[in-house]
């Protein structure tokens, strides 16, 4: 029984590594990081009130984990021209559909990690 208890404690500690407690919702969420790159730059240049240095750095850090360099370059264009995002989303080309699925998944992770 003692080895099981030790295993449970170790699993709990390891699962909490790299997470921050969110007081308002009393849940855990992975700790956001900061990075610079094409999405960071496009985000900052977009001029939106919510496009703070910290938030743009966070969405870039998520992009570094979720997207390859080409997808980041392509997605960065959406900040300056949102119509491009709409065109890709509605495109019937397979390459656009695959990109859109990656971009959508990235956006969901970035929203979860970088807002609040």
PDB file of N, CA and C in Angstrom:
ATOM      1  N   UNK A   1       0.813  -1.196   0.000  1.00  0.00           N
ATOM      2  CA  UNK A   1       0.000   0.000   0.000  1.00  0.00           C
ATOM      3  C   UNK A   1       0.861   1.267   0.000  1.00  0.00           C
ATOM      4  N   UNK A   2       1.993   1.214   0.708  1.00  0.00           N
ATOM      5  CA  UNK A   2       2.870   2.375   0.775  1.00  0.00           C
ATOM      6  C   UNK A   2       3.428   2.757  -0.603  1.00  0.00           C
ATOM      7  N   UNK A   3       3.887   1.797  -1.438  1.00  0.00           N
ATOM      8  CA  UNK A   3       4.363   2.156  -2.781  1.00  0.00           C
ATOM      9  C   UNK A   3       3.266   2.805  -3.628  1.00  0.00           C
ATOM     10  N   UNK A   4       2.019   2.394  -3.476  1.00  0.00           N
ATOM     11  CA  UNK A   4       0.920   2.991  -4.219  1.00  0.00           C
ATOM     12  C   UNK A   4       0.714   4.446  -3.810  1.00  0.00           C
ATOM     13  N   UNK A   5       0.800   4.713  -2.506  1.00  0.00           N
ATOM     14  CA  UNK A   5       0.642   6.080  -2.010  1.00  0.00           C
ATOM     15  C   UNK A   5       1.759   6.970  -2.543  1.00  0.00           C
ATOM     16  N   UNK A   6       2.980   6.463  -2.540  1.00  0.00           N
ATOM     17  CA  UNK A   6       4.112   7.233  -3.056  1.00  0.00           C
ATOM     18  C   UNK A   6       3.924   7.513  -4.545  1.00  0.00           C
ATOM     19  N   UNK A   7       3.460   6.526  -5.282  1.00  0.00           N
ATOM     20  CA  UNK A   7       3.205   6.692  -6.708  1.00  0.00           C
ATOM     21  C   UNK A   7       2.144   7.755  -6.964  1.00  0.00           C
ATOM     22  N   UNK A   8       1.083   7.750  -6.183  1.00  0.00           N
ATOM     23  CA  UNK A   8       0.011   8.745  -6.346  1.00  0.00           C
ATOM     24  C   UNK A   8       0.504  10.149  -6.042  1.00  0.00           C
ATOM     25  N   UNK A   9       1.303  10.300  -4.980  1.00  0.00           N
ATOM     26  CA  UNK A   9       1.854  11.618  -4.644  1.00  0.00           C
ATOM     27  C   UNK A   9       2.776  12.095  -5.758  1.00  0.00           C
ATOM     28  N   UNK A  10       3.638  11.220  -6.258  1.00  0.00           N
ATOM     29  CA  UNK A  10       4.561  11.594  -7.332  1.00  0.00           C
ATOM     30  C   UNK A  10       3.799  12.003  -8.588  1.00  0.00           C
ATOM     31  N   UNK A  11       2.758  11.262  -8.929  1.00  0.00           N
ATOM     32  CA  UNK A  11       1.969  11.594 -10.115  1.00  0.00           C
ATOM     33  C   UNK A  11       1.290  12.949  -9.957  1.00  0.00           C
ATOM     34  N   UNK A  12       0.800  13.238  -8.759  1.00  0.00           N
ATOM     35  CA  UNK A  12       0.142  14.526  -8.507  1.00  0.00           C
ATOM     36  C   UNK A  12       1.130  15.673  -8.632  1.00  0.00           C
ATOM     37  N   UNK A  13       2.307  15.514  -8.051  1.00  0.00           N
ATOM     38  CA  UNK A  13       3.320  16.566  -8.123  1.00  0.00           C
ATOM     39  C   UNK A  13       3.761  16.795  -9.560  1.00  0.00           C
ATOM     40  N   UNK A  14       4.016  15.731 -10.292  1.00  0.00           N
ATOM     41  CA  UNK A  14       4.453  15.876 -11.683  1.00  0.00           C
ATOM     42  C   UNK A  14       3.379  16.503 -12.561  1.00  0.00           C
ATOM     43  N   UNK A  15       2.132  16.179 -12.315  1.00  0.00           N
ATOM     44  CA  UNK A  15       1.074  16.747 -13.144  1.00  0.00           C
ATOM     45  C   UNK A  15       0.882  18.223 -12.880  1.00  0.00           C
ATOM     46  N   UNK A  16       1.294  18.690 -11.706  1.00  0.00           N
ATOM     47  CA  UNK A  16       1.151  20.109 -11.380  1.00  0.00           C
ATOM     48  C   UNK A  16       2.313  20.946 -11.892  1.00  0.00           C
ATOM     49  N   UNK A  17       3.399  20.318 -12.296  1.00  0.00           N
ATOM     50  CA  UNK A  17       4.556  21.079 -12.788  1.00  0.00           C
ATOM     51  C   UNK A  17       4.176  21.889 -14.020  1.00  0.00           C
ATOM     52  N   UNK A  18       4.602  23.129 -14.036  1.00  0.00           N
ATOM     53  CA  UNK A  18       4.362  23.978 -15.198  1.00  0.00           C
ATOM     54  C   UNK A  18       2.945  24.480 -15.314  1.00  0.00           C
ATOM     55  N   UNK A  19       2.172  24.405 -14.243  1.00  0.00           N
ATOM     56  CA  UNK A  19       0.808  24.900 -14.295  1.00  0.00           C
ATOM     57  C   UNK A  19       0.642  26.008 -13.271  1.00  0.00           C
ATOM     58  N   UNK A  20      -0.311  26.877 -13.530  1.00  0.00           N
ATOM     59  CA  UNK A  20      -0.627  27.967 -12.615  1.00  0.00           C
ATOM     60  C   UNK A  20      -2.073  27.850 -12.181  1.00  0.00           C
ATOM     61  N   UNK A  21      -2.336  28.159 -10.952  1.00  0.00           N
ATOM     62  CA  UNK A  21      -3.693  28.106 -10.449  1.00  0.00           C
ATOM     63  C   UNK A  21      -4.425  29.370 -10.876  1.00  0.00           C
ATOM     64  N   UNK A  22      -5.612  29.224 -11.408  1.00  0.00           N
ATOM     65  CA  UNK A  22      -6.436  30.351 -11.822  1.00  0.00           C
ATOM     66  C   UNK A  22      -7.494  30.527 -10.740  1.00  0.00           C
ATOM     67  N   UNK A  23      -7.360  31.583  -9.955  1.00  0.00           N
ATOM     68  CA  UNK A  23      -8.197  31.758  -8.775  1.00  0.00           C
ATOM     69  C   UNK A  23      -9.677  31.887  -9.112  1.00  0.00           C
ATOM     70  N   UNK A  24     -10.009  32.619 -10.140  1.00  0.00           N
ATOM     71  CA  UNK A  24     -11.413  32.895 -10.446  1.00  0.00           C
ATOM     72  C   UNK A  24     -12.198  31.630 -10.771  1.00  0.00           C
ATOM     73  N   UNK A  25     -11.565  30.682 -11.427  1.00  0.00           N
ATOM     74  CA  UNK A  25     -12.284  29.475 -11.819  1.00  0.00           C
ATOM     75  C   UNK A  25     -11.906  28.273 -10.968  1.00  0.00           C
ATOM     76  N   UNK A  26     -10.893  28.454 -10.107  1.00  0.00           N
ATOM     77  CA  UNK A  26     -10.436  27.380  -9.242  1.00  0.00           C
ATOM     78  C   UNK A  26     -10.042  26.134 -10.041  1.00  0.00           C
ATOM     79  N   UNK A  27      -9.419  26.363 -11.203  1.00  0.00           N
ATOM     80  CA  UNK A  27      -8.955  25.269 -12.047  1.00  0.00           C
ATOM     81  C   UNK A  27      -7.479  25.475 -12.343  1.00  0.00           C
ATOM     82  N   UNK A  28      -6.888  24.500 -12.975  1.00  0.00           N
ATOM     83  CA  UNK A  28      -5.486  24.618 -13.361  1.00  0.00           C
ATOM     84  C   UNK A  28      -5.397  24.861 -14.853  1.00  0.00           C
ATOM     85  N   UNK A  29      -4.396  25.649 -15.235  1.00  0.00           N
ATOM     86  CA  UNK A  29      -4.162  25.919 -16.646  1.00  0.00           C
ATOM     87  C   UNK A  29      -2.652  25.979 -16.847  1.00  0.00           C
ATOM     88  N   UNK A  30      -2.141  25.467 -17.957  1.00  0.00           N
ATOM     89  CA  UNK A  30      -0.699  25.501 -18.188  1.00  0.00           C
ATOM     90  C   UNK A  30      -0.181  26.943 -18.165  1.00  0.00           C
ATOM     91  N   UNK A  31       0.997  27.114 -17.641  1.00  0.00           N
ATOM     92  CA  UNK A  31       1.634  28.424 -17.570  1.00  0.00           C
ATOM     93  C   UNK A  31       2.022  28.877 -18.978  1.00  0.00           C
ATOM     94  N   UNK A  32       1.627  30.076 -19.321  1.00  0.00           N
ATOM     95  CA  UNK A  32       1.964  30.624 -20.630  1.00  0.00           C
ATOM     96  C   UNK A  32       3.420  31.096 -20.629  1.00  0.00           C
ATOM     97  N   UNK A  33       4.038  31.069 -21.777  1.00  0.00           N
ATOM     98  CA  UNK A  33       5.410  31.506 -21.948  1.00  0.00           C
ATOM     99  C   UNK A  33       5.418  32.789 -22.791  1.00  0.00           C
ATOM    100  N   UNK A  34       6.606  33.249 -23.141  1.00  0.00           N
ATOM    101  CA  UNK A  34       6.760  34.432 -23.976  1.00  0.00           C
ATOM    102  C   UNK A  34       7.772  34.135 -25.066  1.00  0.00           C
ATOM    103  N   UNK A  35       7.474  34.562 -26.291  1.00  0.00           N
ATOM    104  CA  UNK A  35       8.412  34.398 -27.406  1.00  0.00           C
ATOM    105  C   UNK A  35       8.159  35.508 -28.418  1.00  0.00           C
ATOM    106  N   UNK A  36       9.126  35.739 -29.269  1.00  0.00           N
ATOM    107  CA  UNK A  36       8.952  36.668 -30.383  1.00  0.00           C
ATOM    108  C   UNK A  36       9.079  35.892 -31.679  1.00  0.00           C
ATOM    109  N   UNK A  37       8.487  36.420 -32.721  1.00  0.00           N
ATOM    110  CA  UNK A  37       8.499  35.772 -34.020  1.00  0.00           C
ATOM    111  C   UNK A  37       7.469  36.440 -34.910  1.00  0.00           C
ATOM    112  N   UNK A  38       7.100  35.807 -36.014  1.00  0.00           N
ATOM    113  CA  UNK A  38       6.208  36.456 -36.981  1.00  0.00           C
ATOM    114  C   UNK A  38       4.808  36.735 -36.430  1.00  0.00           C
ATOM    115  N   UNK A  39       4.281  35.856 -35.616  1.00  0.00           N
ATOM    116  CA  UNK A  39       2.946  36.084 -35.064  1.00  0.00           C
ATOM    117  C   UNK A  39       3.000  37.180 -34.008  1.00  0.00           C
ATOM    118  N   UNK A  40       4.036  37.180 -33.191  1.00  0.00           N
ATOM    119  CA  UNK A  40       4.225  38.252 -32.212  1.00  0.00           C
ATOM    120  C   UNK A  40       4.254  39.609 -32.912  1.00  0.00           C
ATOM    121  N   UNK A  41       5.072  39.717 -33.957  1.00  0.00           N
ATOM    122  CA  UNK A  41       5.210  40.988 -34.675  1.00  0.00           C
ATOM    123  C   UNK A  41       3.889  41.422 -35.302  1.00  0.00           C
ATOM    124  N   UNK A  42       3.198  40.495 -35.949  1.00  0.00           N
ATOM    125  CA  UNK A  42       1.924  40.826 -36.588  1.00  0.00           C
ATOM    126  C   UNK A  42       0.883  41.214 -35.543  1.00  0.00           C
ATOM    127  N   UNK A  43       0.872  40.523 -34.434  1.00  0.00           N
ATOM    128  CA  UNK A  43      -0.057  40.815 -33.344  1.00  0.00           C
ATOM    129  C   UNK A  43       0.173  42.232 -32.817  1.00  0.00           C
ATOM    130  N   UNK A  44       1.418  42.595 -32.579  1.00  0.00           N
ATOM    131  CA  UNK A  44       1.740  43.930 -32.045  1.00  0.00           C
ATOM    132  C   UNK A  44       1.392  45.027 -33.060  1.00  0.00           C
ATOM    133  N   UNK A  45       1.618  44.756 -34.340  1.00  0.00           N
ATOM    134  CA  UNK A  45       1.343  45.752 -35.374  1.00  0.00           C
ATOM    135  C   UNK A  45      -0.140  45.915 -35.652  1.00  0.00           C
ATOM    136  N   UNK A  46      -0.953  44.951 -35.238  1.00  0.00           N
ATOM    137  CA  UNK A  46      -2.394  44.997 -35.528  1.00  0.00           C
ATOM    138  C   UNK A  46      -3.082  46.163 -34.832  1.00  0.00           C
ATOM    139  N   UNK A  47      -2.499  46.662 -33.746  1.00  0.00           N
ATOM    140  CA  UNK A  47      -3.020  47.845 -33.094  1.00  0.00           C
ATOM    141  C   UNK A  47      -4.288  47.653 -32.271  1.00  0.00           C
ATOM    142  N   UNK A  48      -4.601  46.437 -31.929  1.00  0.00           N
ATOM    143  CA  UNK A  48      -5.790  46.193 -31.105  1.00  0.00           C
ATOM    144  C   UNK A  48      -5.457  46.428 -29.635  1.00  0.00           C
ATOM    145  N   UNK A  49      -6.439  46.865 -28.860  1.00  0.00           N
ATOM    146  CA  UNK A  49      -6.211  47.138 -27.444  1.00  0.00           C
ATOM    147  C   UNK A  49      -5.715  45.912 -26.687  1.00  0.00           C
ATOM    148  N   UNK A  50      -6.229  44.747 -27.025  1.00  0.00           N
ATOM    149  CA  UNK A  50      -5.851  43.514 -26.324  1.00  0.00           C
ATOM    150  C   UNK A  50      -4.489  42.981 -26.766  1.00  0.00           C
ATOM    151  N   UNK A  51      -3.881  43.595 -27.768  1.00  0.00           N
ATOM    152  CA  UNK A  51      -2.607  43.115 -28.310  1.00  0.00           C
ATOM    153  C   UNK A  51      -1.438  43.647 -27.475  1.00  0.00           C
ATOM    154  N   UNK A  52      -1.433  43.269 -26.206  1.00  0.00           N
ATOM    155  CA  UNK A  52      -0.353  43.685 -25.323  1.00  0.00           C
ATOM    156  C   UNK A  52       0.909  42.899 -25.645  1.00  0.00           C
ATOM    157  N   UNK A  53       2.023  43.398 -25.161  1.00  0.00           N
ATOM    158  CA  UNK A  53       3.292  42.711 -25.357  1.00  0.00           C
ATOM    159  C   UNK A  53       3.214  41.295 -24.783  1.00  0.00           C
ATOM    160  N   UNK A  54       2.659  41.170 -23.594  1.00  0.00           N
ATOM    161  CA  UNK A  54       2.567  39.859 -22.943  1.00  0.00           C
ATOM    162  C   UNK A  54       1.665  38.904 -23.718  1.00  0.00           C
ATOM    163  N   UNK A  55       0.509  39.387 -24.147  1.00  0.00           N
ATOM    164  CA  UNK A  55      -0.416  38.499 -24.859  1.00  0.00           C
ATOM    165  C   UNK A  55       0.154  38.091 -26.212  1.00  0.00           C
ATOM    166  N   UNK A  56       0.731  39.017 -26.943  1.00  0.00           N
ATOM    167  CA  UNK A  56       1.321  38.681 -28.241  1.00  0.00           C
ATOM    168  C   UNK A  56       2.492  37.718 -28.076  1.00  0.00           C
ATOM    169  N   UNK A  57       3.281  37.908 -27.018  1.00  0.00           N
ATOM    170  CA  UNK A  57       4.375  36.984 -26.732  1.00  0.00           C
ATOM    171  C   UNK A  57       3.876  35.600 -26.382  1.00  0.00           C
ATOM    172  N   UNK A  58       2.750  35.556 -25.690  1.00  0.00           N
ATOM    173  CA  UNK A  58       2.154  34.273 -25.338  1.00  0.00           C
ATOM    174  C   UNK A  58       1.653  33.543 -26.582  1.00  0.00           C
ATOM    175  N   UNK A  59       0.929  34.237 -27.449  1.00  0.00           N
ATOM    176  CA  UNK A  59       0.405  33.556 -28.640  1.00  0.00           C
ATOM    177  C   UNK A  59       1.543  33.095 -29.549  1.00  0.00           C
ATOM    178  N   UNK A  60       2.660  33.823 -29.551  1.00  0.00           N
ATOM    179  CA  UNK A  60       3.826  33.369 -30.322  1.00  0.00           C
ATOM    180  C   UNK A  60       4.435  32.117 -29.691  1.00  0.00           C
ATOM    181  N   UNK A  61       4.517  32.096 -28.369  1.00  0.00           N
ATOM    182  CA  UNK A  61       5.066  30.910 -27.693  1.00  0.00           C
ATOM    183  C   UNK A  61       4.209  29.672 -27.988  1.00  0.00           C
ATOM    184  N   UNK A  62       2.898  29.859 -27.989  1.00  0.00           N
ATOM    185  CA  UNK A  62       2.011  28.738 -28.330  1.00  0.00           C
ATOM    186  C   UNK A  62       2.224  28.347 -29.791  1.00  0.00           C
ATOM    187  N   UNK A  63       2.367  29.322 -30.667  1.00  0.00           N
ATOM    188  CA  UNK A  63       2.604  29.038 -32.087  1.00  0.00           C
ATOM    189  C   UNK A  63       3.894  28.235 -32.274  1.00  0.00           C
ATOM    190  N   UNK A  64       4.916  28.564 -31.497  1.00  0.00           N
ATOM    191  CA  UNK A  64       6.179  27.836 -31.610  1.00  0.00           C
ATOM    192  C   UNK A  64       6.005  26.355 -31.277  1.00  0.00           C
ATOM    193  N   UNK A  65       5.063  26.053 -30.412  1.00  0.00           N
ATOM    194  CA  UNK A  65       4.807  24.657 -30.043  1.00  0.00           C
ATOM    195  C   UNK A  65       3.823  23.972 -30.983  1.00  0.00           C
ATOM    196  N   UNK A  66       2.896  24.734 -31.552  1.00  0.00           N
ATOM    197  CA  UNK A  66       1.786  24.139 -32.291  1.00  0.00           C
ATOM    198  C   UNK A  66       1.916  24.206 -33.813  1.00  0.00           C
ATOM    199  N   UNK A  67       2.694  25.164 -34.339  1.00  0.00           N
ATOM    200  CA  UNK A  67       2.754  25.397 -35.783  1.00  0.00           C
ATOM    201  C   UNK A  67       4.191  25.355 -36.288  1.00  0.00           C
ATOM    202  N   UNK A  68       4.352  24.942 -37.535  1.00  0.00           N
ATOM    203  CA  UNK A  68       5.677  25.030 -38.142  1.00  0.00           C
ATOM    204  C   UNK A  68       5.908  26.465 -38.633  1.00  0.00           C
ATOM    205  N   UNK A  69       7.121  26.745 -39.072  1.00  0.00           N
ATOM    206  CA  UNK A  69       7.482  28.112 -39.474  1.00  0.00           C
ATOM    207  C   UNK A  69       6.624  28.624 -40.624  1.00  0.00           C
ATOM    208  N   UNK A  70       6.346  27.774 -41.594  1.00  0.00           N
ATOM    209  CA  UNK A  70       5.514  28.185 -42.730  1.00  0.00           C
ATOM    210  C   UNK A  70       4.098  28.537 -42.307  1.00  0.00           C
ATOM    211  N   UNK A  71       3.522  27.733 -41.421  1.00  0.00           N
ATOM    212  CA  UNK A  71       2.180  28.028 -40.927  1.00  0.00           C
ATOM    213  C   UNK A  71       2.165  29.331 -40.137  1.00  0.00           C
ATOM    214  N   UNK A  72       3.233  29.595 -39.390  1.00  0.00           N
ATOM    215  CA  UNK A  72       3.304  30.847 -38.637  1.00  0.00           C
ATOM    216  C   UNK A  72       3.339  32.050 -39.582  1.00  0.00           C
ATOM    217  N   UNK A  73       4.151  31.951 -40.628  1.00  0.00           N
ATOM    218  CA  UNK A  73       4.240  33.052 -41.598  1.00  0.00           C
ATOM    219  C   UNK A  73       2.887  33.286 -42.271  1.00  0.00           C
ATOM    220  N   UNK A  74       2.248  32.204 -42.656  1.00  0.00           N
ATOM    221  CA  UNK A  74       0.958  32.316 -43.339  1.00  0.00           C
ATOM    222  C   UNK A  74      -0.092  32.902 -42.400  1.00  0.00           C
ATOM    223  N   UNK A  75      -0.147  32.403 -41.183  1.00  0.00           N
ATOM    224  CA  UNK A  75      -1.127  32.881 -40.217  1.00  0.00           C
ATOM    225  C   UNK A  75      -0.879  34.318 -39.778  1.00  0.00           C
ATOM    226  N   UNK A  76       0.375  34.727 -39.749  1.00  0.00           N
ATOM    227  CA  UNK A  76       0.694  36.101 -39.340  1.00  0.00           C
ATOM    228  C   UNK A  76       0.036  37.114 -40.281  1.00  0.00           C
ATOM    229  N   UNK A  77      -0.149  36.737 -41.530  1.00  0.00           N
ATOM    230  CA  UNK A  77      -0.794  37.647 -42.491  1.00  0.00           C
ATOM    231  C   UNK A  77      -2.245  37.932 -42.128  1.00  0.00           C
ATOM    232  N   UNK A  78      -2.875  37.026 -41.391  1.00  0.00           N
ATOM    233  CA  UNK A  78      -4.274  37.207 -41.011  1.00  0.00           C
ATOM    234  C   UNK A  78      -4.474  38.435 -40.119  1.00  0.00           C
ATOM    235  N   UNK A  79      -3.453  38.784 -39.337  1.00  0.00           N
ATOM    236  CA  UNK A  79      -3.581  39.920 -38.434  1.00  0.00           C
ATOM    237  C   UNK A  79      -3.745  41.226 -39.205  1.00  0.00           C
ATOM    238  N   UNK A  80      -3.057  41.351 -40.325  1.00  0.00           N
ATOM    239  CA  UNK A  80      -3.145  42.558 -41.134  1.00  0.00           C
ATOM    240  C   UNK A  80      -4.291  42.541 -42.129  1.00  0.00           C
ATOM    241  N   UNK A  81      -4.735  41.352 -42.506  1.00  0.00           N
ATOM    242  CA  UNK A  81      -5.801  41.212 -43.499  1.00  0.00           C
ATOM    243  C   UNK A  81      -6.704  40.039 -43.114  1.00  0.00           C
ATOM    244  N   UNK A  82      -7.669  40.276 -42.224  1.00  0.00           N
ATOM    245  CA  UNK A  82      -8.549  39.196 -41.768  1.00  0.00           C
ATOM    246  C   UNK A  82      -9.311  38.503 -42.901  1.00  0.00           C
ATOM    247  N   UNK A  83      -9.476  39.175 -44.027  1.00  0.00           N
ATOM    248  CA  UNK A  83     -10.166  38.555 -45.155  1.00  0.00           C
ATOM    249  C   UNK A  83      -9.408  37.327 -45.649  1.00  0.00           C
ATOM    250  N   UNK A  84      -8.077  37.343 -45.523  1.00  0.00           N
ATOM    251  CA  UNK A  84      -7.291  36.171 -45.923  1.00  0.00           C
ATOM    252  C   UNK A  84      -7.684  34.944 -45.109  1.00  0.00           C
ATOM    253  N   UNK A  85      -7.937  35.140 -43.823  1.00  0.00           N
ATOM    254  CA  UNK A  85      -8.364  34.021 -42.978  1.00  0.00           C
ATOM    255  C   UNK A  85      -9.701  33.476 -43.465  1.00  0.00           C
ATOM    256  N   UNK A  86     -10.604  34.381 -43.778  1.00  0.00           N
ATOM    257  CA  UNK A  86     -11.919  33.967 -44.271  1.00  0.00           C
ATOM    258  C   UNK A  86     -11.797  33.210 -45.596  1.00  0.00           C
ATOM    259  N   UNK A  87     -10.931  33.700 -46.471  1.00  0.00           N
ATOM    260  CA  UNK A  87     -10.725  33.040 -47.764  1.00  0.00           C
ATOM    261  C   UNK A  87     -10.173  31.626 -47.591  1.00  0.00           C
ATOM    262  N   UNK A  88      -9.213  31.462 -46.692  1.00  0.00           N
ATOM    263  CA  UNK A  88      -8.639  30.140 -46.443  1.00  0.00           C
ATOM    264  C   UNK A  88      -9.694  29.227 -45.830  1.00  0.00           C
ATOM    265  N   UNK A  89     -10.437  29.745 -44.876  1.00  0.00           N
ATOM    266  CA  UNK A  89     -11.458  28.935 -44.207  1.00  0.00           C
ATOM    267  C   UNK A  89     -12.499  28.415 -45.185  1.00  0.00           C
ATOM    268  N   UNK A  90     -12.858  29.232 -46.162  1.00  0.00           N
ATOM    269  CA  UNK A  90     -13.895  28.852 -47.128  1.00  0.00           C
ATOM    270  C   UNK A  90     -13.346  28.140 -48.365  1.00  0.00           C
ATOM    271  N   UNK A  91     -12.041  28.062 -48.482  1.00  0.00           N
ATOM    272  CA  UNK A  91     -11.426  27.442 -49.650  1.00  0.00           C
ATOM    273  C   UNK A  91     -11.762  25.947 -49.715  1.00  0.00           C
ATOM    274  N   UNK A  92     -11.829  25.453 -50.921  1.00  0.00           N
ATOM    275  CA  UNK A  92     -12.080  24.022 -51.128  1.00  0.00           C
ATOM    276  C   UNK A  92     -10.788  23.259 -51.435  1.00  0.00           C
ATOM    277  N   UNK A  93      -9.665  23.957 -51.438  1.00  0.00           N
ATOM    278  CA  UNK A  93      -8.378  23.304 -51.685  1.00  0.00           C
ATOM    279  C   UNK A  93      -7.961  22.489 -50.459  1.00  0.00           C
ATOM    280  N   UNK A  94      -7.478  21.280 -50.690  1.00  0.00           N
ATOM    281  CA  UNK A  94      -7.061  20.409 -49.589  1.00  0.00           C
ATOM    282  C   UNK A  94      -5.964  21.033 -48.734  1.00  0.00           C
ATOM    283  N   UNK A  95      -5.008  21.696 -49.385  1.00  0.00           N
ATOM    284  CA  UNK A  95      -3.904  22.309 -48.648  1.00  0.00           C
ATOM    285  C   UNK A  95      -4.436  23.395 -47.707  1.00  0.00           C
ATOM    286  N   UNK A  96      -5.421  24.157 -48.154  1.00  0.00           N
ATOM    287  CA  UNK A  96      -6.014  25.190 -47.307  1.00  0.00           C
ATOM    288  C   UNK A  96      -6.811  24.574 -46.165  1.00  0.00           C
ATOM    289  N   UNK A  97      -7.511  23.505 -46.452  1.00  0.00           N
ATOM    290  CA  UNK A  97      -8.301  22.848 -45.406  1.00  0.00           C
ATOM    291  C   UNK A  97      -7.397  22.287 -44.306  1.00  0.00           C
ATOM    292  N   UNK A  98      -6.300  21.660 -44.701  1.00  0.00           N
ATOM    293  CA  UNK A  98      -5.370  21.118 -43.705  1.00  0.00           C
ATOM    294  C   UNK A  98      -4.742  22.232 -42.877  1.00  0.00           C
ATOM    295  N   UNK A  99      -4.352  23.316 -43.558  1.00  0.00           N
ATOM    296  CA  UNK A  99      -3.805  24.462 -42.823  1.00  0.00           C
ATOM    297  C   UNK A  99      -4.845  25.012 -41.856  1.00  0.00           C
ATOM    298  N   UNK A 100      -6.081  25.165 -42.310  1.00  0.00           N
ATOM    299  CA  UNK A 100      -7.113  25.755 -41.463  1.00  0.00           C
ATOM    300  C   UNK A 100      -7.345  24.909 -40.211  1.00  0.00           C
ATOM    301  N   UNK A 101      -7.313  23.598 -40.364  1.00  0.00           N
ATOM    302  CA  UNK A 101      -7.485  22.730 -39.195  1.00  0.00           C
ATOM    303  C   UNK A 101      -6.342  22.922 -38.197  1.00  0.00           C
ATOM    304  N   UNK A 102      -5.117  23.059 -38.677  1.00  0.00           N
ATOM    305  CA  UNK A 102      -3.972  23.320 -37.784  1.00  0.00           C
ATOM    306  C   UNK A 102      -4.110  24.683 -37.132  1.00  0.00           C
ATOM    307  N   UNK A 103      -4.510  25.691 -37.915  1.00  0.00           N
ATOM    308  CA  UNK A 103      -4.649  27.052 -37.397  1.00  0.00           C
ATOM    309  C   UNK A 103      -5.760  27.110 -36.347  1.00  0.00           C
ATOM    310  N   UNK A 104      -6.849  26.437 -36.614  1.00  0.00           N
ATOM    311  CA  UNK A 104      -7.969  26.426 -35.674  1.00  0.00           C
ATOM    312  C   UNK A 104      -7.559  25.763 -34.357  1.00  0.00           C
ATOM    313  N   UNK A 105      -6.866  24.636 -34.432  1.00  0.00           N
ATOM    314  CA  UNK A 105      -6.403  23.946 -33.226  1.00  0.00           C
ATOM    315  C   UNK A 105      -5.432  24.843 -32.451  1.00  0.00           C
ATOM    316  N   UNK A 106      -4.518  25.489 -33.173  1.00  0.00           N
ATOM    317  CA  UNK A 106      -3.587  26.426 -32.533  1.00  0.00           C
ATOM    318  C   UNK A 106      -4.351  27.552 -31.844  1.00  0.00           C
ATOM    319  N   UNK A 107      -5.331  28.113 -32.518  1.00  0.00           N
ATOM    320  CA  UNK A 107      -6.097  29.233 -31.966  1.00  0.00           C
ATOM    321  C   UNK A 107      -6.807  28.844 -30.675  1.00  0.00           C
ATOM    322  N   UNK A 108      -7.315  27.633 -30.625  1.00  0.00           N
ATOM    323  CA  UNK A 108      -8.004  27.173 -29.415  1.00  0.00           C
ATOM    324  C   UNK A 108      -7.036  27.063 -28.245  1.00  0.00           C
ATOM    325  N   UNK A 109      -5.846  26.533 -28.503  1.00  0.00           N
ATOM    326  CA  UNK A 109      -4.839  26.422 -27.440  1.00  0.00           C
ATOM    327  C   UNK A 109      -4.384  27.801 -27.003  1.00  0.00           C
ATOM    328  N   UNK A 110      -4.117  28.690 -27.969  1.00  0.00           N
ATOM    329  CA  UNK A 110      -3.665  30.047 -27.637  1.00  0.00           C
ATOM    330  C   UNK A 110      -4.736  30.795 -26.834  1.00  0.00           C
ATOM    331  N   UNK A 111      -5.974  30.640 -27.193  1.00  0.00           N
ATOM    332  CA  UNK A 111      -7.060  31.286 -26.452  1.00  0.00           C
ATOM    333  C   UNK A 111      -7.086  30.776 -25.023  1.00  0.00           C
ATOM    334  N   UNK A 112      -6.960  29.485 -24.861  1.00  0.00           N
ATOM    335  CA  UNK A 112      -6.999  28.888 -23.514  1.00  0.00           C
ATOM    336  C   UNK A 112      -5.812  29.359 -22.671  1.00  0.00           C
ATOM    337  N   UNK A 113      -4.640  29.440 -23.265  1.00  0.00           N
ATOM    338  CA  UNK A 113      -3.447  29.743 -22.498  1.00  0.00           C
ATOM    339  C   UNK A 113      -3.169  31.240 -22.328  1.00  0.00           C
ATOM    340  N   UNK A 114      -3.667  32.051 -23.239  1.00  0.00           N
ATOM    341  CA  UNK A 114      -3.244  33.454 -23.261  1.00  0.00           C
ATOM    342  C   UNK A 114      -4.329  34.458 -22.901  1.00  0.00           C
ATOM    343  N   UNK A 115      -5.488  34.020 -22.523  1.00  0.00           N
ATOM    344  CA  UNK A 115      -6.530  34.952 -22.115  1.00  0.00           C
ATOM    345  C   UNK A 115      -6.835  34.762 -20.643  1.00  0.00           C
ATOM    346  N   UNK A 116      -7.401  35.786 -20.078  1.00  0.00           N
ATOM    347  CA  UNK A 116      -7.846  35.648 -18.698  1.00  0.00           C
ATOM    348  C   UNK A 116      -7.136  36.539 -17.805  1.00  0.00           C
TER     349      UNK A 116
END
